[in-house]
Amino acid sequence: MVKFPDGTNVRLVGLDEILGELYSEGRQANRETAEEIITRLEARKNFIPSADLARREYVSVLLKEYRKYIADRKER
């Protein structure tokens, strides 16, 4: 589940698996990786709005989640 700045929570099927895959591929936390997360989420039938503003918000939130994922792995 990811939380948006307005307080909205969204459940994304397969997000943890995708983050794990990207981490094992050595992907950096950047916009390109966030776009790849969206592509992989859409492939798993998650609805991602197509409006520019909404997509930018998803990129921002997913990038934050991936950075958190990386930090958690480095702490272990």
C-alpha atoms as a PDB file:
ATOM      1  CA  MET A   1       0.000   0.000   0.000  1.00  0.00           C
ATOM      2  CA  VAL A   2       1.346   3.423  -0.901  1.00  0.00           C
ATOM      3  CA  LYS A   3       0.252   6.723   0.582  1.00  0.00           C
ATOM      4  CA  PHE A   4      -0.112   9.872  -1.488  1.00  0.00           C
ATOM      5  CA  PRO A   5       0.472  13.389  -0.131  1.00  0.00           C
ATOM      6  CA  ASP A   6      -3.286  14.011   0.095  1.00  0.00           C
ATOM      7  CA  GLY A   7      -3.652  11.013   2.436  1.00  0.00           C
ATOM      8  CA  THR A   8      -5.055   8.633  -0.174  1.00  0.00           C
ATOM      9  CA  ASN A   9      -3.869   5.044   0.216  1.00  0.00           C
ATOM     10  CA  VAL A  10      -3.627   2.826  -2.859  1.00  0.00           C
ATOM     11  CA  ARG A  11      -3.020  -0.919  -2.876  1.00  0.00           C
ATOM     12  CA  LEU A  12      -0.800  -1.984  -5.780  1.00  0.00           C
ATOM     13  CA  VAL A  13      -0.672  -5.675  -6.631  1.00  0.00           C
ATOM     14  CA  GLY A  14       2.884  -6.965  -6.929  1.00  0.00           C
ATOM     15  CA  LEU A  15       4.654  -3.796  -5.789  1.00  0.00           C
ATOM     16  CA  ASP A  16       6.928  -5.548  -3.274  1.00  0.00           C
ATOM     17  CA  GLU A  17       7.931  -8.135  -5.876  1.00  0.00           C
ATOM     18  CA  ILE A  18       8.668  -5.426  -8.441  1.00  0.00           C
ATOM     19  CA  LEU A  19      10.785  -3.451  -5.987  1.00  0.00           C
ATOM     20  CA  GLY A  20      12.702  -6.639  -5.171  1.00  0.00           C
ATOM     21  CA  GLU A  21      13.282  -7.376  -8.850  1.00  0.00           C
ATOM     22  CA  LEU A  22      14.566  -3.877  -9.542  1.00  0.00           C
ATOM     23  CA  TYR A  23      16.808  -3.969  -6.487  1.00  0.00           C
ATOM     24  CA  SER A  24      18.294  -7.311  -7.555  1.00  0.00           C
ATOM     25  CA  GLU A  25      18.875  -5.819 -11.023  1.00  0.00           C
ATOM     26  CA  GLY A  26      20.880  -3.020  -9.376  1.00  0.00           C
ATOM     27  CA  ARG A  27      18.531  -0.291 -10.566  1.00  0.00           C
ATOM     28  CA  GLN A  28      19.111   3.175  -9.136  1.00  0.00           C
ATOM     29  CA  ALA A  29      16.332   5.207  -7.520  1.00  0.00           C
ATOM     30  CA  ASN A  30      15.596   7.673 -10.314  1.00  0.00           C
ATOM     31  CA  ARG A  31      12.763   8.753 -12.589  1.00  0.00           C
ATOM     32  CA  GLU A  32      13.552   6.078 -15.173  1.00  0.00           C
ATOM     33  CA  THR A  33      13.206   3.359 -12.528  1.00  0.00           C
ATOM     34  CA  ALA A  34       9.951   4.890 -11.269  1.00  0.00           C
ATOM     35  CA  GLU A  35       8.598   4.765 -14.832  1.00  0.00           C
ATOM     36  CA  GLU A  36       9.682   1.109 -15.010  1.00  0.00           C
ATOM     37  CA  ILE A  37       7.803   0.407 -11.780  1.00  0.00           C
ATOM     38  CA  ILE A  38       4.674   1.896 -13.361  1.00  0.00           C
ATOM     39  CA  THR A  39       5.159  -0.192 -16.512  1.00  0.00           C
ATOM     40  CA  ARG A  40       5.493  -3.372 -14.449  1.00  0.00           C
ATOM     41  CA  LEU A  41       2.516  -2.460 -12.266  1.00  0.00           C
ATOM     42  CA  GLU A  42       0.373  -1.905 -15.364  1.00  0.00           C
ATOM     43  CA  ALA A  43       1.508  -5.287 -16.720  1.00  0.00           C
ATOM     44  CA  ARG A  44       0.112  -6.803 -13.518  1.00  0.00           C
ATOM     45  CA  LYS A  45      -3.246  -5.141 -14.222  1.00  0.00           C
ATOM     46  CA  ASN A  46      -2.948  -2.309 -11.693  1.00  0.00           C
ATOM     47  CA  PHE A  47      -4.817   0.804 -12.734  1.00  0.00           C
ATOM     48  CA  ILE A  48      -2.498   3.781 -13.123  1.00  0.00           C
ATOM     49  CA  PRO A  49      -4.234   6.999 -14.248  1.00  0.00           C
ATOM     50  CA  SER A  50      -3.077   8.351 -17.579  1.00  0.00           C
ATOM     51  CA  ALA A  51      -3.498  12.041 -16.689  1.00  0.00           C
ATOM     52  CA  ASP A  52      -0.125  13.824 -16.534  1.00  0.00           C
ATOM     53  CA  LEU A  53      -0.572  15.192 -13.017  1.00  0.00           C
ATOM     54  CA  ALA A  54      -1.684  11.844 -11.600  1.00  0.00           C
ATOM     55  CA  ARG A  55       1.188  10.030 -13.301  1.00  0.00           C
ATOM     56  CA  ARG A  56       3.703  12.520 -11.913  1.00  0.00           C
ATOM     57  CA  GLU A  57       2.286  11.907  -8.444  1.00  0.00           C
ATOM     58  CA  TYR A  58       2.645   8.148  -8.950  1.00  0.00           C
ATOM     59  CA  VAL A  59       6.250   8.615 -10.108  1.00  0.00           C
ATOM     60  CA  SER A  60       7.006  10.685  -7.006  1.00  0.00           C
ATOM     61  CA  VAL A  61       5.343   8.285  -4.572  1.00  0.00           C
ATOM     62  CA  LEU A  62       6.839   5.167  -6.179  1.00  0.00           C
ATOM     63  CA  LEU A  63      10.297   6.701  -6.222  1.00  0.00           C
ATOM     64  CA  LYS A  64       9.942   7.439  -2.511  1.00  0.00           C
ATOM     65  CA  GLU A  65       8.849   3.835  -1.893  1.00  0.00           C
ATOM     66  CA  TYR A  66      11.791   2.462  -3.850  1.00  0.00           C
ATOM     67  CA  ARG A  67      14.247   4.677  -1.956  1.00  0.00           C
ATOM     68  CA  LYS A  68      12.758   3.399   1.298  1.00  0.00           C
ATOM     69  CA  TYR A  69      13.046  -0.177   0.026  1.00  0.00           C
ATOM     70  CA  ILE A  70      16.735   0.341  -0.813  1.00  0.00           C
ATOM     71  CA  ALA A  71      17.452   1.933   2.587  1.00  0.00           C
ATOM     72  CA  ASP A  72      15.749  -0.960   4.385  1.00  0.00           C
ATOM     73  CA  ARG A  73      17.908  -3.485   2.484  1.00  0.00           C
ATOM     74  CA  LYS A  74      21.121  -1.586   3.237  1.00  0.00           C
ATOM     75  CA  GLU A  75      20.310  -1.548   6.967  1.00  0.00           C
ATOM     76  CA  ARG A  76      20.122  -5.340   7.049  1.00  0.00           C
END
